[in-house]
Amino acid sequence: VREVGRIGEAWAEASGASVEWEPAANDAATAVSDRVCADLR
């Protein structure tokens, strides 16, 4: 969430565009954690 927000907010500020990144970032966070932790196990 932090990394998607960092890039998303920087892009929004630089471009003046509105970027709604939070819902997709939250969904990705769960998927990433599940996948990576399973791979570590």
Full PDB file with SEQRES, HELIX, SHEET, SSBOND, CRYST1, ORIGX, SCALE, CONECT and MASTER records, all heavy atoms in Angstrom:
SEQRES   1 A   41  VAL ARG GLU VAL GLY ARG ILE GLY GLU ALA TRP ALA GLU          
SEQRES   2 A   41  ALA SER GLY ALA SER VAL GLU TRP GLU PRO ALA ALA ASN          
SEQRES   3 A   41  ASP ALA ALA THR ALA VAL SER ASP ARG VAL CYS ALA ASP          
SEQRES   4 A   41  LEU ARG                                                      
HELIX    1 AA1 ARG A    2  SER A   15  1                                  14    
HELIX    2 AA2 GLU A   22  LEU A   40  1                                  19    
CRYST1    1.000    1.000    1.000  90.00  90.00  90.00 P 1           1          
ORIGX1      1.000000  0.000000  0.000000        0.00000                         
ORIGX2      0.000000  1.000000  0.000000        0.00000                         
ORIGX3      0.000000  0.000000  1.000000        0.00000                         
SCALE1      1.000000  0.000000  0.000000        0.00000                         
SCALE2      0.000000  1.000000  0.000000        0.00000                         
SCALE3      0.000000  0.000000  1.000000        0.00000                         
ATOM      1  N   VAL A   1       0.838  -1.200   0.000  1.00  0.00           N  
ATOM      2  CA  VAL A   1       0.000   0.000   0.000  1.00  0.00           C  
ATOM      3  C   VAL A   1       0.875   1.253   0.000  1.00  0.00           C  
ATOM      4  O   VAL A   1       0.624   2.212  -0.746  1.00  0.00           O  
ATOM      5  CB  VAL A   1      -0.979  -0.014   1.193  1.00  0.00           C  
ATOM      6  CG1 VAL A   1      -1.712   1.313   1.331  1.00  0.00           C  
ATOM      7  CG2 VAL A   1      -1.969  -1.168   1.044  1.00  0.00           C  
ATOM      8  N   ARG A   2       1.918   1.244   0.812  1.00  0.00           N  
ATOM      9  CA  ARG A   2       2.817   2.400   0.895  1.00  0.00           C  
ATOM     10  C   ARG A   2       3.497   2.671  -0.442  1.00  0.00           C  
ATOM     11  O   ARG A   2       3.578   3.810  -0.898  1.00  0.00           O  
ATOM     12  CB  ARG A   2       3.844   2.144   2.008  1.00  0.00           C  
ATOM     13  CG  ARG A   2       4.731   3.310   2.326  1.00  0.00           C  
ATOM     14  CD  ARG A   2       5.578   3.067   3.583  1.00  0.00           C  
ATOM     15  NE  ARG A   2       6.382   1.858   3.540  1.00  0.00           N  
ATOM     16  CZ  ARG A   2       6.163   0.778   4.298  1.00  0.00           C  
ATOM     17  NH1 ARG A   2       5.154   0.737   5.143  1.00  0.00           N  
ATOM     18  NH2 ARG A   2       6.948  -0.280   4.203  1.00  0.00           N  
ATOM     19  N   GLU A   3       3.995   1.623  -1.104  1.00  0.00           N  
ATOM     20  CA  GLU A   3       4.717   1.809  -2.365  1.00  0.00           C  
ATOM     21  C   GLU A   3       3.791   2.242  -3.498  1.00  0.00           C  
ATOM     22  O   GLU A   3       4.141   3.120  -4.284  1.00  0.00           O  
ATOM     23  CB  GLU A   3       5.480   0.541  -2.735  1.00  0.00           C  
ATOM     24  CG  GLU A   3       6.653   0.265  -1.822  1.00  0.00           C  
ATOM     25  CD  GLU A   3       7.673   1.394  -1.833  1.00  0.00           C  
ATOM     26  OE1 GLU A   3       8.262   1.651  -2.896  1.00  0.00           O  
ATOM     27  OE2 GLU A   3       7.870   2.028  -0.779  1.00  0.00           O  
ATOM     28  N   VAL A   4       2.608   1.635  -3.591  1.00  0.00           N  
ATOM     29  CA  VAL A   4       1.651   2.071  -4.611  1.00  0.00           C  
ATOM     30  C   VAL A   4       1.249   3.517  -4.335  1.00  0.00           C  
ATOM     31  O   VAL A   4       1.189   4.341  -5.262  1.00  0.00           O  
ATOM     32  CB  VAL A   4       0.414   1.142  -4.657  1.00  0.00           C  
ATOM     33  CG1 VAL A   4      -0.687   1.737  -5.543  1.00  0.00           C  
ATOM     34  CG2 VAL A   4       0.806  -0.236  -5.165  1.00  0.00           C  
ATOM     35  N   GLY A   5       1.021   3.850  -3.083  1.00  0.00           N  
ATOM     36  CA  GLY A   5       0.665   5.224  -2.724  1.00  0.00           C  
ATOM     37  C   GLY A   5       1.773   6.215  -3.026  1.00  0.00           C  
ATOM     38  O   GLY A   5       1.514   7.327  -3.515  1.00  0.00           O  
ATOM     39  N   ARG A   6       3.000   5.815  -2.763  1.00  0.00           N  
ATOM     40  CA  ARG A   6       4.142   6.704  -3.027  1.00  0.00           C  
ATOM     41  C   ARG A   6       4.196   7.074  -4.510  1.00  0.00           C  
ATOM     42  O   ARG A   6       4.300   8.247  -4.866  1.00  0.00           O  
ATOM     43  CB  ARG A   6       5.433   6.009  -2.597  1.00  0.00           C  
ATOM     44  CG  ARG A   6       6.709   6.796  -2.861  1.00  0.00           C  
ATOM     45  CD  ARG A   6       7.926   6.035  -2.352  1.00  0.00           C  
ATOM     46  NE  ARG A   6       8.141   4.750  -2.997  1.00  0.00           N  
ATOM     47  CZ  ARG A   6       8.815   4.588  -4.154  1.00  0.00           C  
ATOM     48  NH1 ARG A   6       9.304   5.630  -4.785  1.00  0.00           N  
ATOM     49  NH2 ARG A   6       8.981   3.372  -4.655  1.00  0.00           N  
ATOM     50  N   ILE A   7       4.090   6.077  -5.374  1.00  0.00           N  
ATOM     51  CA  ILE A   7       4.150   6.327  -6.812  1.00  0.00           C  
ATOM     52  C   ILE A   7       2.868   7.008  -7.293  1.00  0.00           C  
ATOM     53  O   ILE A   7       2.913   7.971  -8.066  1.00  0.00           O  
ATOM     54  CB  ILE A   7       4.384   5.006  -7.591  1.00  0.00           C  
ATOM     55  CG1 ILE A   7       5.688   4.340  -7.168  1.00  0.00           C  
ATOM     56  CG2 ILE A   7       4.335   5.244  -9.094  1.00  0.00           C  
ATOM     57  CD1 ILE A   7       6.939   5.092  -7.509  1.00  0.00           C  
ATOM     58  N   GLY A   8       1.724   6.525  -6.831  1.00  0.00           N  
ATOM     59  CA  GLY A   8       0.442   7.096  -7.253  1.00  0.00           C  
ATOM     60  C   GLY A   8       0.304   8.557  -6.874  1.00  0.00           C  
ATOM     61  O   GLY A   8      -0.122   9.386  -7.693  1.00  0.00           O  
ATOM     62  N   GLU A   9       0.679   8.895  -5.650  1.00  0.00           N  
ATOM     63  CA  GLU A   9       0.573  10.288  -5.209  1.00  0.00           C  
ATOM     64  C   GLU A   9       1.582  11.175  -5.930  1.00  0.00           C  
ATOM     65  O   GLU A   9       1.270  12.321  -6.284  1.00  0.00           O  
ATOM     66  CB  GLU A   9       0.743  10.369  -3.699  1.00  0.00           C  
ATOM     67  CG  GLU A   9      -0.463   9.788  -2.965  1.00  0.00           C  
ATOM     68  CD  GLU A   9      -0.266   9.690  -1.463  1.00  0.00           C  
ATOM     69  OE1 GLU A   9       0.756  10.185  -0.935  1.00  0.00           O  
ATOM     70  OE2 GLU A   9      -1.150   9.095  -0.814  1.00  0.00           O  
ATOM     71  N   ALA A  10       2.783  10.672  -6.155  1.00  0.00           N  
ATOM     72  CA  ALA A  10       3.784  11.454  -6.887  1.00  0.00           C  
ATOM     73  C   ALA A  10       3.311  11.737  -8.313  1.00  0.00           C  
ATOM     74  O   ALA A  10       3.458  12.847  -8.830  1.00  0.00           O  
ATOM     75  CB  ALA A  10       5.122  10.729  -6.900  1.00  0.00           C  
ATOM     76  N   TRP A  11       2.711  10.710  -8.944  1.00  0.00           N  
ATOM     77  CA  TRP A  11       2.210  10.897 -10.304  1.00  0.00           C  
ATOM     78  C   TRP A  11       1.044  11.890 -10.320  1.00  0.00           C  
ATOM     79  O   TRP A  11       0.959  12.766 -11.187  1.00  0.00           O  
ATOM     80  CB  TRP A  11       1.792   9.574 -10.927  1.00  0.00           C  
ATOM     81  CG  TRP A  11       1.096   9.752 -12.243  1.00  0.00           C  
ATOM     82  CD1 TRP A  11      -0.196   9.458 -12.523  1.00  0.00           C  
ATOM     83  CD2 TRP A  11       1.652  10.285 -13.437  1.00  0.00           C  
ATOM     84  NE1 TRP A  11      -0.483   9.770 -13.821  1.00  0.00           N  
ATOM     85  CE2 TRP A  11       0.641  10.289 -14.412  1.00  0.00           C  
ATOM     86  CE3 TRP A  11       2.907  10.780 -13.786  1.00  0.00           C  
ATOM     87  CZ2 TRP A  11       0.828  10.757 -15.706  1.00  0.00           C  
ATOM     88  CZ3 TRP A  11       3.102  11.235 -15.070  1.00  0.00           C  
ATOM     89  CH2 TRP A  11       2.080  11.221 -16.024  1.00  0.00           C  
ATOM     90  N   ALA A  12       0.145  11.779  -9.364  1.00  0.00           N  
ATOM     91  CA  ALA A  12      -0.996  12.692  -9.301  1.00  0.00           C  
ATOM     92  C   ALA A  12      -0.522  14.137  -9.136  1.00  0.00           C  
ATOM     93  O   ALA A  12      -1.017  15.047  -9.805  1.00  0.00           O  
ATOM     94  CB  ALA A  12      -1.930  12.297  -8.161  1.00  0.00           C  
ATOM     95  N   GLU A  13       0.463  14.322  -8.276  1.00  0.00           N  
ATOM     96  CA  GLU A  13       0.984  15.670  -8.042  1.00  0.00           C  
ATOM     97  C   GLU A  13       1.690  16.216  -9.281  1.00  0.00           C  
ATOM     98  O   GLU A  13       1.499  17.371  -9.668  1.00  0.00           O  
ATOM     99  CB  GLU A  13       1.950  15.665  -6.862  1.00  0.00           C  
ATOM    100  CG  GLU A  13       2.454  17.042  -6.488  1.00  0.00           C  
ATOM    101  CD  GLU A  13       3.345  17.003  -5.271  1.00  0.00           C  
ATOM    102  OE1 GLU A  13       3.014  16.297  -4.300  1.00  0.00           O  
ATOM    103  OE2 GLU A  13       4.388  17.691  -5.304  1.00  0.00           O  
ATOM    104  N   ALA A  14       2.494  15.381  -9.925  1.00  0.00           N  
ATOM    105  CA  ALA A  14       3.261  15.826 -11.097  1.00  0.00           C  
ATOM    106  C   ALA A  14       2.373  16.061 -12.312  1.00  0.00           C  
ATOM    107  O   ALA A  14       2.618  16.979 -13.094  1.00  0.00           O  
ATOM    108  CB  ALA A  14       4.334  14.800 -11.435  1.00  0.00           C  
ATOM    109  N   SER A  15       1.335  15.247 -12.458  1.00  0.00           N  
ATOM    110  CA  SER A  15       0.512  15.328 -13.664  1.00  0.00           C  
ATOM    111  C   SER A  15      -0.748  16.167 -13.481  1.00  0.00           C  
ATOM    112  O   SER A  15      -1.377  16.567 -14.459  1.00  0.00           O  
ATOM    113  CB  SER A  15       0.105  13.921 -14.102  1.00  0.00           C  
ATOM    114  OG  SER A  15      -0.807  13.361 -13.167  1.00  0.00           O  
ATOM    115  N   GLY A  16      -1.142  16.383 -12.247  1.00  0.00           N  
ATOM    116  CA  GLY A  16      -2.398  17.069 -11.980  1.00  0.00           C  
ATOM    117  C   GLY A  16      -3.605  16.159 -12.155  1.00  0.00           C  
ATOM    118  O   GLY A  16      -4.746  16.602 -12.045  1.00  0.00           O  
ATOM    119  N   ALA A  17      -3.350  14.886 -12.403  1.00  0.00           N  
ATOM    120  CA  ALA A  17      -4.433  13.925 -12.594  1.00  0.00           C  
ATOM    121  C   ALA A  17      -4.920  13.411 -11.247  1.00  0.00           C  
ATOM    122  O   ALA A  17      -4.178  13.384 -10.268  1.00  0.00           O  
ATOM    123  CB  ALA A  17      -3.950  12.750 -13.440  1.00  0.00           C  
ATOM    124  N   SER A  18      -6.144  12.977 -11.217  1.00  0.00           N  
ATOM    125  CA  SER A  18      -6.691  12.336 -10.034  1.00  0.00           C  
ATOM    126  C   SER A  18      -6.428  10.836 -10.150  1.00  0.00           C  
ATOM    127  O   SER A  18      -6.771  10.222 -11.161  1.00  0.00           O  
ATOM    128  CB  SER A  18      -8.191  12.609  -9.946  1.00  0.00           C  
ATOM    129  OG  SER A  18      -8.741  11.918  -8.858  1.00  0.00           O  
ATOM    130  N   VAL A  19      -5.798  10.265  -9.136  1.00  0.00           N  
ATOM    131  CA  VAL A  19      -5.460   8.846  -9.173  1.00  0.00           C  
ATOM    132  C   VAL A  19      -6.077   8.176  -7.951  1.00  0.00           C  
ATOM    133  O   VAL A  19      -5.720   8.484  -6.812  1.00  0.00           O  
ATOM    134  CB  VAL A  19      -3.923   8.638  -9.184  1.00  0.00           C  
ATOM    135  CG1 VAL A  19      -3.595   7.161  -9.178  1.00  0.00           C  
ATOM    136  CG2 VAL A  19      -3.295   9.329 -10.383  1.00  0.00           C  
ATOM    137  N   GLU A  20      -7.015   7.251  -8.195  1.00  0.00           N  
ATOM    138  CA  GLU A  20      -7.666   6.500  -7.125  1.00  0.00           C  
ATOM    139  C   GLU A  20      -6.959   5.161  -6.993  1.00  0.00           C  
ATOM    140  O   GLU A  20      -7.348   4.161  -7.582  1.00  0.00           O  
ATOM    141  CB  GLU A  20      -9.150   6.313  -7.449  1.00  0.00           C  
ATOM    142  CG  GLU A  20      -9.926   5.603  -6.364  1.00  0.00           C  
ATOM    143  CD  GLU A  20      -9.932   6.332  -5.028  1.00  0.00           C  
ATOM    144  OE1 GLU A  20      -9.969   7.581  -5.011  1.00  0.00           O  
ATOM    145  OE2 GLU A  20      -9.877   5.644  -4.003  1.00  0.00           O  
ATOM    146  N   TRP A  21      -5.909   5.135  -6.191  1.00  0.00           N  
ATOM    147  CA  TRP A  21      -5.049   3.960  -6.102  1.00  0.00           C  
ATOM    148  C   TRP A  21      -5.356   3.065  -4.909  1.00  0.00           C  
ATOM    149  O   TRP A  21      -5.011   1.890  -4.895  1.00  0.00           O  
ATOM    150  CB  TRP A  21      -3.577   4.381  -6.052  1.00  0.00           C  
ATOM    151  CG  TRP A  21      -3.262   5.333  -4.931  1.00  0.00           C  
ATOM    152  CD1 TRP A  21      -3.241   6.689  -4.986  1.00  0.00           C  
ATOM    153  CD2 TRP A  21      -2.937   4.987  -3.586  1.00  0.00           C  
ATOM    154  NE1 TRP A  21      -2.929   7.216  -3.760  1.00  0.00           N  
ATOM    155  CE2 TRP A  21      -2.734   6.190  -2.873  1.00  0.00           C  
ATOM    156  CE3 TRP A  21      -2.799   3.784  -2.904  1.00  0.00           C  
ATOM    157  CZ2 TRP A  21      -2.403   6.221  -1.537  1.00  0.00           C  
ATOM    158  CZ3 TRP A  21      -2.463   3.805  -1.558  1.00  0.00           C  
ATOM    159  CH2 TRP A  21      -2.267   5.026  -0.891  1.00  0.00           C  
ATOM    160  N   GLU A  22      -5.999   3.582  -3.882  1.00  0.00           N  
ATOM    161  CA  GLU A  22      -6.145   2.851  -2.625  1.00  0.00           C  
ATOM    162  C   GLU A  22      -6.907   1.533  -2.705  1.00  0.00           C  
ATOM    163  O   GLU A  22      -6.426   0.520  -2.162  1.00  0.00           O  
ATOM    164  CB  GLU A  22      -6.739   3.761  -1.555  1.00  0.00           C  
ATOM    165  CG  GLU A  22      -5.777   4.851  -1.134  1.00  0.00           C  
ATOM    166  CD  GLU A  22      -6.356   5.772  -0.095  1.00  0.00           C  
ATOM    167  OE1 GLU A  22      -6.576   5.281   1.029  1.00  0.00           O  
ATOM    168  OE2 GLU A  22      -6.591   6.951  -0.404  1.00  0.00           O  
ATOM    169  N   PRO A  23      -8.076   1.467  -3.352  1.00  0.00           N  
ATOM    170  CA  PRO A  23      -8.779   0.167  -3.382  1.00  0.00           C  
ATOM    171  C   PRO A  23      -7.956  -0.932  -4.055  1.00  0.00           C  
ATOM    172  O   PRO A  23      -7.860  -2.051  -3.525  1.00  0.00           O  
ATOM    173  CB  PRO A  23     -10.065   0.461  -4.178  1.00  0.00           C  
ATOM    174  CG  PRO A  23     -10.266   1.935  -4.041  1.00  0.00           C  
ATOM    175  CD  PRO A  23      -8.890   2.523  -3.970  1.00  0.00           C  
ATOM    176  N   ALA A  24      -7.363  -0.626  -5.185  1.00  0.00           N  
ATOM    177  CA  ALA A  24      -6.559  -1.632  -5.892  1.00  0.00           C  
ATOM    178  C   ALA A  24      -5.314  -1.999  -5.091  1.00  0.00           C  
ATOM    179  O   ALA A  24      -4.899  -3.164  -5.072  1.00  0.00           O  
ATOM    180  CB  ALA A  24      -6.175  -1.131  -7.280  1.00  0.00           C  
ATOM    181  N   ALA A  25      -4.710  -1.018  -4.430  1.00  0.00           N  
ATOM    182  CA  ALA A  25      -3.523  -1.295  -3.614  1.00  0.00           C  
ATOM    183  C   ALA A  25      -3.873  -2.205  -2.445  1.00  0.00           C  
ATOM    184  O   ALA A  25      -3.114  -3.127  -2.123  1.00  0.00           O  
ATOM    185  CB  ALA A  25      -2.903   0.008  -3.109  1.00  0.00           C  
ATOM    186  N   ASN A  26      -5.011  -1.970  -1.813  1.00  0.00           N  
ATOM    187  CA  ASN A  26      -5.431  -2.825  -0.694  1.00  0.00           C  
ATOM    188  C   ASN A  26      -5.705  -4.248  -1.149  1.00  0.00           C  
ATOM    189  O   ASN A  26      -5.327  -5.207  -0.473  1.00  0.00           O  
ATOM    190  CB  ASN A  26      -6.654  -2.231  -0.002  1.00  0.00           C  
ATOM    191  CG  ASN A  26      -6.306  -1.010   0.825  1.00  0.00           C  
ATOM    192  OD1 ASN A  26      -5.242  -0.946   1.431  1.00  0.00           O  
ATOM    193  ND2 ASN A  26      -7.184  -0.033   0.829  1.00  0.00           N  
ATOM    194  N   ASP A  27      -6.347  -4.399  -2.307  1.00  0.00           N  
ATOM    195  CA  ASP A  27      -6.581  -5.739  -2.854  1.00  0.00           C  
ATOM    196  C   ASP A  27      -5.261  -6.429  -3.176  1.00  0.00           C  
ATOM    197  O   ASP A  27      -5.075  -7.616  -2.877  1.00  0.00           O  
ATOM    198  CB  ASP A  27      -7.446  -5.667  -4.114  1.00  0.00           C  
ATOM    199  CG  ASP A  27      -8.884  -5.264  -3.817  1.00  0.00           C  
ATOM    200  OD1 ASP A  27      -9.297  -5.318  -2.643  1.00  0.00           O  
ATOM    201  OD2 ASP A  27      -9.587  -4.893  -4.786  1.00  0.00           O  
ATOM    202  N   ALA A  28      -4.352  -5.688  -3.791  1.00  0.00           N  
ATOM    203  CA  ALA A  28      -3.047  -6.253  -4.145  1.00  0.00           C  
ATOM    204  C   ALA A  28      -2.260  -6.638  -2.899  1.00  0.00           C  
ATOM    205  O   ALA A  28      -1.566  -7.656  -2.888  1.00  0.00           O  
ATOM    206  CB  ALA A  28      -2.247  -5.267  -4.993  1.00  0.00           C  
ATOM    207  N   ALA A  29      -2.381  -5.851  -1.851  1.00  0.00           N  
ATOM    208  CA  ALA A  29      -1.636  -6.125  -0.616  1.00  0.00           C  
ATOM    209  C   ALA A  29      -1.978  -7.490  -0.050  1.00  0.00           C  
ATOM    210  O   ALA A  29      -1.097  -8.250   0.358  1.00  0.00           O  
ATOM    211  CB  ALA A  29      -1.911  -5.027   0.413  1.00  0.00           C  
ATOM    212  N   THR A  30      -3.255  -7.812  -0.046  1.00  0.00           N  
ATOM    213  CA  THR A  30      -3.688  -9.116   0.457  1.00  0.00           C  
ATOM    214  C   THR A  30      -3.174 -10.236  -0.432  1.00  0.00           C  
ATOM    215  O   THR A  30      -2.637 -11.237   0.050  1.00  0.00           O  
ATOM    216  CB  THR A  30      -5.227  -9.159   0.549  1.00  0.00           C  
ATOM    217  OG1 THR A  30      -5.651  -8.123   1.442  1.00  0.00           O  
ATOM    218  CG2 THR A  30      -5.701 -10.508   1.057  1.00  0.00           C  
ATOM    219  N   ALA A  31      -3.325 -10.060  -1.744  1.00  0.00           N  
ATOM    220  CA  ALA A  31      -2.881 -11.095  -2.690  1.00  0.00           C  
ATOM    221  C   ALA A  31      -1.376 -11.312  -2.614  1.00  0.00           C  
ATOM    222  O   ALA A  31      -0.905 -12.455  -2.613  1.00  0.00           O  
ATOM    223  CB  ALA A  31      -3.296 -10.709  -4.109  1.00  0.00           C  
ATOM    224  N   VAL A  32      -0.618 -10.228  -2.535  1.00  0.00           N  
ATOM    225  CA  VAL A  32       0.842 -10.326  -2.470  1.00  0.00           C  
ATOM    226  C   VAL A  32       1.263 -11.049  -1.200  1.00  0.00           C  
ATOM    227  O   VAL A  32       2.099 -11.953  -1.230  1.00  0.00           O  
ATOM    228  CB  VAL A  32       1.509  -8.936  -2.516  1.00  0.00           C  
ATOM    229  CG1 VAL A  32       2.984  -9.015  -2.183  1.00  0.00           C  
ATOM    230  CG2 VAL A  32       1.313  -8.293  -3.863  1.00  0.00           C  
ATOM    231  N   SER A  33       0.706 -10.645  -0.088  1.00  0.00           N  
ATOM    232  CA  SER A  33       1.082 -11.252   1.183  1.00  0.00           C  
ATOM    233  C   SER A  33       0.779 -12.746   1.185  1.00  0.00           C  
ATOM    234  O   SER A  33       1.625 -13.555   1.582  1.00  0.00           O  
ATOM    235  CB  SER A  33       0.357 -10.555   2.331  1.00  0.00           C  
ATOM    236  OG  SER A  33       0.774 -11.075   3.563  1.00  0.00           O  
ATOM    237  N   ASP A  34      -0.396 -13.113   0.716  1.00  0.00           N  
ATOM    238  CA  ASP A  34      -0.763 -14.532   0.674  1.00  0.00           C  
ATOM    239  C   ASP A  34       0.201 -15.314  -0.211  1.00  0.00           C  
ATOM    240  O   ASP A  34       0.687 -16.377   0.175  1.00  0.00           O  
ATOM    241  CB  ASP A  34      -2.190 -14.711   0.158  1.00  0.00           C  
ATOM    242  CG  ASP A  34      -3.252 -14.218   1.134  1.00  0.00           C  
ATOM    243  OD1 ASP A  34      -2.914 -13.934   2.307  1.00  0.00           O  
ATOM    244  OD2 ASP A  34      -4.420 -14.101   0.711  1.00  0.00           O  
ATOM    245  N   ARG A  35       0.488 -14.791  -1.397  1.00  0.00           N  
ATOM    246  CA  ARG A  35       1.336 -15.510  -2.347  1.00  0.00           C  
ATOM    247  C   ARG A  35       2.783 -15.600  -1.872  1.00  0.00           C  
ATOM    248  O   ARG A  35       3.380 -16.681  -1.847  1.00  0.00           O  
ATOM    249  CB  ARG A  35       1.295 -14.833  -3.722  1.00  0.00           C  
ATOM    250  CG  ARG A  35       2.170 -15.524  -4.765  1.00  0.00           C  
ATOM    251  CD  ARG A  35       2.156 -14.815  -6.104  1.00  0.00           C  
ATOM    252  NE  ARG A  35       2.590 -13.443  -6.059  1.00  0.00           N  
ATOM    253  CZ  ARG A  35       3.864 -13.047  -5.940  1.00  0.00           C  
ATOM    254  NH1 ARG A  35       4.837 -13.936  -5.830  1.00  0.00           N  
ATOM    255  NH2 ARG A  35       4.184 -11.758  -5.917  1.00  0.00           N  
ATOM    256  N   VAL A  36       3.353 -14.482  -1.472  1.00  0.00           N  
ATOM    257  CA  VAL A  36       4.759 -14.462  -1.077  1.00  0.00           C  
ATOM    258  C   VAL A  36       4.983 -15.296   0.181  1.00  0.00           C  
ATOM    259  O   VAL A  36       5.953 -16.067   0.251  1.00  0.00           O  
ATOM    260  CB  VAL A  36       5.266 -13.019  -0.902  1.00  0.00           C  
ATOM    261  CG1 VAL A  36       6.629 -12.980  -0.233  1.00  0.00           C  
ATOM    262  CG2 VAL A  36       5.318 -12.311  -2.259  1.00  0.00           C  
ATOM    263  N   CYS A  37       4.103 -15.186   1.146  1.00  0.00           N  
ATOM    264  CA  CYS A  37       4.284 -15.975   2.377  1.00  0.00           C  
ATOM    265  C   CYS A  37       4.111 -17.464   2.109  1.00  0.00           C  
ATOM    266  O   CYS A  37       4.828 -18.288   2.692  1.00  0.00           O  
ATOM    267  CB  CYS A  37       3.363 -15.462   3.471  1.00  0.00           C  
ATOM    268  SG  CYS A  37       3.890 -13.812   4.041  1.00  0.00           S  
ATOM    269  N   ALA A  38       3.205 -17.818   1.212  1.00  0.00           N  
ATOM    270  CA  ALA A  38       3.079 -19.230   0.824  1.00  0.00           C  
ATOM    271  C   ALA A  38       4.358 -19.707   0.138  1.00  0.00           C  
ATOM    272  O   ALA A  38       4.842 -20.817   0.409  1.00  0.00           O  
ATOM    273  CB  ALA A  38       1.880 -19.428  -0.092  1.00  0.00           C  
ATOM    274  N   ASP A  39       4.928 -18.871  -0.734  1.00  0.00           N  
ATOM    275  CA  ASP A  39       6.179 -19.237  -1.411  1.00  0.00           C  
ATOM    276  C   ASP A  39       7.334 -19.354  -0.421  1.00  0.00           C  
ATOM    277  O   ASP A  39       8.193 -20.236  -0.565  1.00  0.00           O  
ATOM    278  CB  ASP A  39       6.521 -18.217  -2.503  1.00  0.00           C  
ATOM    279  CG  ASP A  39       5.576 -18.278  -3.695  1.00  0.00           C  
ATOM    280  OD1 ASP A  39       4.785 -19.240  -3.801  1.00  0.00           O  
ATOM    281  OD2 ASP A  39       5.623 -17.336  -4.521  1.00  0.00           O  
ATOM    282  N   LEU A  40       7.361 -18.485   0.583  1.00  0.00           N  
ATOM    283  CA  LEU A  40       8.399 -18.599   1.620  1.00  0.00           C  
ATOM    284  C   LEU A  40       8.240 -19.907   2.387  1.00  0.00           C  
ATOM    285  O   LEU A  40       9.230 -20.597   2.650  1.00  0.00           O  
ATOM    286  CB  LEU A  40       8.332 -17.419   2.588  1.00  0.00           C  
ATOM    287  CG  LEU A  40       8.885 -16.093   2.090  1.00  0.00           C  
ATOM    288  CD1 LEU A  40       8.536 -14.965   3.062  1.00  0.00           C  
ATOM    289  CD2 LEU A  40      10.393 -16.169   1.864  1.00  0.00           C  
ATOM    290  N   ARG A  41       7.017 -20.273   2.711  1.00  0.00           N  
ATOM    291  CA  ARG A  41       6.789 -21.536   3.437  1.00  0.00           C  
ATOM    292  C   ARG A  41       7.240 -22.740   2.621  1.00  0.00           C  
ATOM    293  O   ARG A  41       7.808 -23.693   3.158  1.00  0.00           O  
ATOM    294  CB  ARG A  41       5.322 -21.661   3.843  1.00  0.00           C  
ATOM    295  CG  ARG A  41       4.948 -20.749   4.984  1.00  0.00           C  
ATOM    296  CD  ARG A  41       3.495 -20.961   5.438  1.00  0.00           C  
ATOM    297  NE  ARG A  41       3.098 -19.923   6.341  1.00  0.00           N  
ATOM    298  CZ  ARG A  41       2.447 -18.807   5.991  1.00  0.00           C  
ATOM    299  NH1 ARG A  41       2.090 -18.615   4.738  1.00  0.00           N  
ATOM    300  NH2 ARG A  41       2.144 -17.894   6.893  1.00  0.00           N  
TER     301      ARG A  41                                                      
MASTER        0    0    0    2    0    0    0    6  300    1    0    4          
END                                                                             
